[in-house]
Amino acid sequence: MTIETAFKGTNVRTALKLDEQATRAALIAMLAKCVRFVDANKTLTEGDEYKMVLDELVKGFPTFTIEDWRLCLYMMAKETFGGYYERLKLAQFVECFTKYEQLKQPVVTKIRQDEAADFERLRTEALRHITPEFATEINQIAARVSPQDWMRGEDRLTYTEREEMEKRAKQKTQE
């Protein structure tokens, strides 16, 4: 699993709203598996400690998906974020989740830039098909009016200018 695929998963807060009991059980199971794997002397032992860690992590990292949790806890088990020195409590989880968030940030930025570029490309393509006569050349009379000015009532086309534009459009279609 990669950060890109984890980013496209189900948000933890959304999952908690849809099915709180199952989501909490899954997240606590992931935490317990990580704690067992790390095998630290001072670690989470009681259910209340797991609940507190879970609540704090959900509150502190609301944009994480369930897949982000899985990947982050897997990276913690591999000690990607550094050693734990026989201690694995809330502070260590918060520190590792923060480091994962820093790792995730450039990937999310790239995904958002790609989405924006795709949207712009699709928008340009759609506009080209909707108004082909305006996509190839600039209409000098219509270009003199900015949309903001037009909405304010300034620099609107006069009746004669509009008639002239319609005549030109008819001439182009007849040619």
Protein backbone atom coordinates (compact mmCIF):
# COMPACT_ATOMS: atom_id res chain seq x y z
CA MET A 1 0.00 0.00 0.00
CA THR A 2 1.23 3.49 -0.83
CA ILE A 3 0.34 6.93 0.46
CA GLU A 4 -1.49 7.63 -2.83
CA THR A 5 -3.79 4.64 -2.43
CA ALA A 6 -4.27 5.36 1.29
CA PHE A 7 -5.29 8.94 0.48
CA LYS A 8 -8.17 7.71 -1.67
CA GLY A 9 -9.65 5.60 1.14
CA THR A 10 -12.50 6.20 3.58
CA ASN A 11 -12.08 9.08 6.01
CA VAL A 12 -12.04 7.93 9.64
CA ARG A 13 -14.57 10.53 10.79
CA THR A 14 -16.93 9.57 7.99
CA ALA A 15 -16.58 5.90 8.88
CA LEU A 16 -17.26 6.69 12.55
CA LYS A 17 -20.47 8.48 11.56
CA LEU A 18 -21.60 5.59 9.38
CA ASP A 19 -20.76 2.70 11.71
CA GLU A 20 -19.07 3.81 14.90
CA GLN A 21 -18.82 0.46 16.63
CA ALA A 22 -17.24 -1.41 13.71
CA THR A 23 -14.85 1.45 12.91
CA ARG A 24 -13.70 1.78 16.52
CA ALA A 25 -13.19 -1.98 16.71
CA ALA A 26 -11.10 -1.98 13.53
CA LEU A 27 -8.95 0.96 14.65
CA ILE A 28 -8.38 -0.50 18.13
CA ALA A 29 -7.46 -3.83 16.53
CA MET A 30 -4.88 -2.01 14.38
CA LEU A 31 -3.49 -0.25 17.46
CA ALA A 32 -3.34 -3.52 19.42
CA LYS A 33 -1.54 -5.30 16.58
CA CYS A 34 1.06 -2.53 16.41
CA VAL A 35 1.53 -2.57 20.21
CA ARG A 36 1.96 -6.38 20.23
CA PHE A 37 4.44 -6.23 17.37
CA VAL A 38 6.61 -3.48 18.91
CA ASP A 39 6.65 -5.31 22.28
CA ALA A 40 7.66 -2.32 24.44
CA ASN A 41 7.84 -2.56 28.25
CA LYS A 42 5.76 0.57 28.86
CA THR A 43 2.84 0.47 26.51
CA LEU A 44 -0.94 0.45 26.30
CA THR A 45 -2.42 -2.32 28.44
CA GLU A 46 -6.00 -1.43 29.36
CA GLY A 47 -9.05 -0.71 27.27
CA ASP A 48 -9.32 2.85 28.61
CA GLU A 49 -5.79 3.59 27.39
CA TYR A 50 -6.64 2.32 23.91
CA LYS A 51 -9.85 4.39 23.91
CA MET A 52 -7.97 7.54 24.96
CA VAL A 53 -5.28 7.03 22.30
CA LEU A 54 -7.91 6.37 19.65
CA ASP A 55 -9.94 9.46 20.58
CA GLU A 56 -6.87 11.70 20.65
CA LEU A 57 -5.58 10.43 17.30
CA VAL A 58 -8.97 10.85 15.62
CA LYS A 59 -9.26 14.37 17.05
CA GLY A 60 -5.67 15.29 16.19
CA PHE A 61 -5.63 13.84 12.67
CA PRO A 62 -9.17 14.24 11.27
CA THR A 63 -8.13 14.02 7.61
CA PHE A 64 -6.62 10.54 7.90
CA THR A 65 -8.35 7.66 6.18
CA ILE A 66 -8.63 4.16 7.58
CA GLU A 67 -5.97 3.16 5.07
CA ASP A 68 -3.72 5.98 6.35
CA TRP A 69 -4.06 4.52 9.83
CA ARG A 70 -3.19 1.06 8.55
CA LEU A 71 -0.14 2.32 6.65
CA CYS A 72 1.07 4.56 9.48
CA LEU A 73 0.78 1.79 12.09
CA TYR A 74 2.54 -0.61 9.71
CA MET A 75 5.36 1.91 9.33
CA MET A 76 5.47 2.27 13.12
CA ALA A 77 5.82 -1.50 13.48
CA LYS A 78 8.72 -1.37 11.00
CA GLU A 79 10.19 1.49 13.06
CA THR A 80 10.32 3.72 10.00
CA PHE A 81 9.87 6.77 12.23
CA GLY A 82 12.64 5.74 14.65
CA GLY A 83 12.97 3.53 17.73
CA TYR A 84 10.61 3.69 20.69
CA TYR A 85 13.12 2.85 23.47
CA GLU A 86 10.82 0.43 25.30
CA ARG A 87 7.99 2.97 25.45
CA LEU A 88 4.90 3.12 23.25
CA LYS A 89 2.26 5.43 24.71
CA LEU A 90 0.10 8.27 23.36
CA ALA A 91 3.03 10.66 22.86
CA GLN A 92 4.85 8.18 20.61
CA PHE A 93 1.71 7.56 18.55
CA VAL A 94 1.14 11.31 18.11
CA GLU A 95 4.79 11.80 17.12
CA CYS A 96 4.65 9.02 14.53
CA PHE A 97 1.31 10.19 13.12
CA THR A 98 2.77 13.71 12.79
CA LYS A 99 5.78 12.34 10.90
CA TYR A 100 3.46 10.34 8.65
CA GLU A 101 1.41 13.49 7.99
CA GLN A 102 4.60 15.30 6.95
CA LEU A 103 5.44 12.40 4.62
CA LYS A 104 1.93 12.52 3.20
CA GLN A 105 1.78 16.28 2.53
CA PRO A 106 3.83 16.45 -0.72
CA VAL A 107 1.92 13.48 -2.12
CA VAL A 108 -1.45 15.11 -1.36
CA THR A 109 -0.26 18.38 -2.90
CA LYS A 110 0.72 16.57 -6.10
CA ILE A 111 -2.62 14.73 -6.22
CA ARG A 112 -4.49 18.04 -5.82
CA GLN A 113 -2.39 19.70 -8.54
CA ASP A 114 -3.07 16.79 -10.90
CA GLU A 115 -6.80 17.02 -10.16
CA ALA A 116 -6.77 20.78 -10.84
CA ALA A 117 -4.88 20.28 -14.13
CA ASP A 118 -7.34 17.56 -15.20
CA PHE A 119 -10.28 19.79 -14.35
CA GLU A 120 -8.81 22.71 -16.28
CA ARG A 121 -8.13 20.50 -19.29
CA LEU A 122 -11.68 19.09 -19.24
CA ARG A 123 -13.20 22.55 -18.76
CA THR A 124 -11.23 23.98 -21.67
CA GLU A 125 -12.21 21.04 -23.86
CA ALA A 126 -15.89 21.37 -22.93
CA LEU A 127 -15.90 25.11 -23.60
CA ARG A 128 -14.25 24.55 -26.96
CA HIS A 129 -17.08 22.21 -27.98
CA ILE A 130 -19.84 24.40 -26.57
CA THR A 131 -18.75 27.64 -28.26
CA PRO A 132 -16.45 26.77 -31.16
CA GLU A 133 -16.64 30.20 -32.78
CA PHE A 134 -15.25 31.86 -29.63
CA ALA A 135 -12.60 29.20 -29.03
CA THR A 136 -10.63 30.00 -32.19
CA GLU A 137 -10.79 33.80 -32.30
CA ILE A 138 -11.44 36.66 -29.90
CA ASN A 139 -14.54 38.76 -30.44
CA GLN A 140 -13.25 42.31 -29.98
CA ILE A 141 -16.62 43.83 -29.12
CA ALA A 142 -17.50 41.19 -26.50
CA ALA A 143 -13.95 41.11 -25.10
CA ARG A 144 -14.10 44.76 -24.04
CA VAL A 145 -16.57 43.90 -21.24
CA SER A 146 -15.33 42.12 -18.14
CA PRO A 147 -17.87 39.88 -16.37
CA GLN A 148 -17.61 41.93 -13.18
CA ASP A 149 -18.34 45.19 -15.00
CA TRP A 150 -21.23 43.61 -16.88
CA MET A 151 -22.82 42.43 -13.62
CA ARG A 152 -22.47 45.96 -12.21
CA GLY A 153 -24.18 47.31 -15.33
CA GLU A 154 -21.11 49.07 -16.68
CA ASP A 155 -19.90 48.78 -20.29
CA ARG A 156 -22.77 46.62 -21.46
CA LEU A 157 -23.26 46.15 -25.18
CA THR A 158 -25.62 48.58 -26.79
CA TYR A 159 -28.51 47.44 -28.91
CA THR A 160 -26.69 48.36 -32.13
CA GLU A 161 -23.52 46.55 -31.04
CA ARG A 162 -25.56 43.43 -30.27
CA GLU A 163 -27.27 43.64 -33.70
CA GLU A 164 -23.87 44.00 -35.35
CA MET A 165 -22.59 40.90 -33.56
CA GLU A 166 -25.65 38.90 -34.62
CA LYS A 167 -25.18 39.99 -38.26
CA ARG A 168 -21.55 38.88 -38.19
CA ALA A 169 -22.54 35.54 -36.67
CA LYS A 170 -25.17 35.00 -39.40
CA GLN A 171 -22.60 35.90 -42.09
CA LYS A 172 -20.15 33.34 -40.69
CA THR A 173 -22.77 30.59 -40.67
CA GLN A 174 -23.78 31.38 -44.26
CA GLU A 175 -20.18 31.16 -45.49
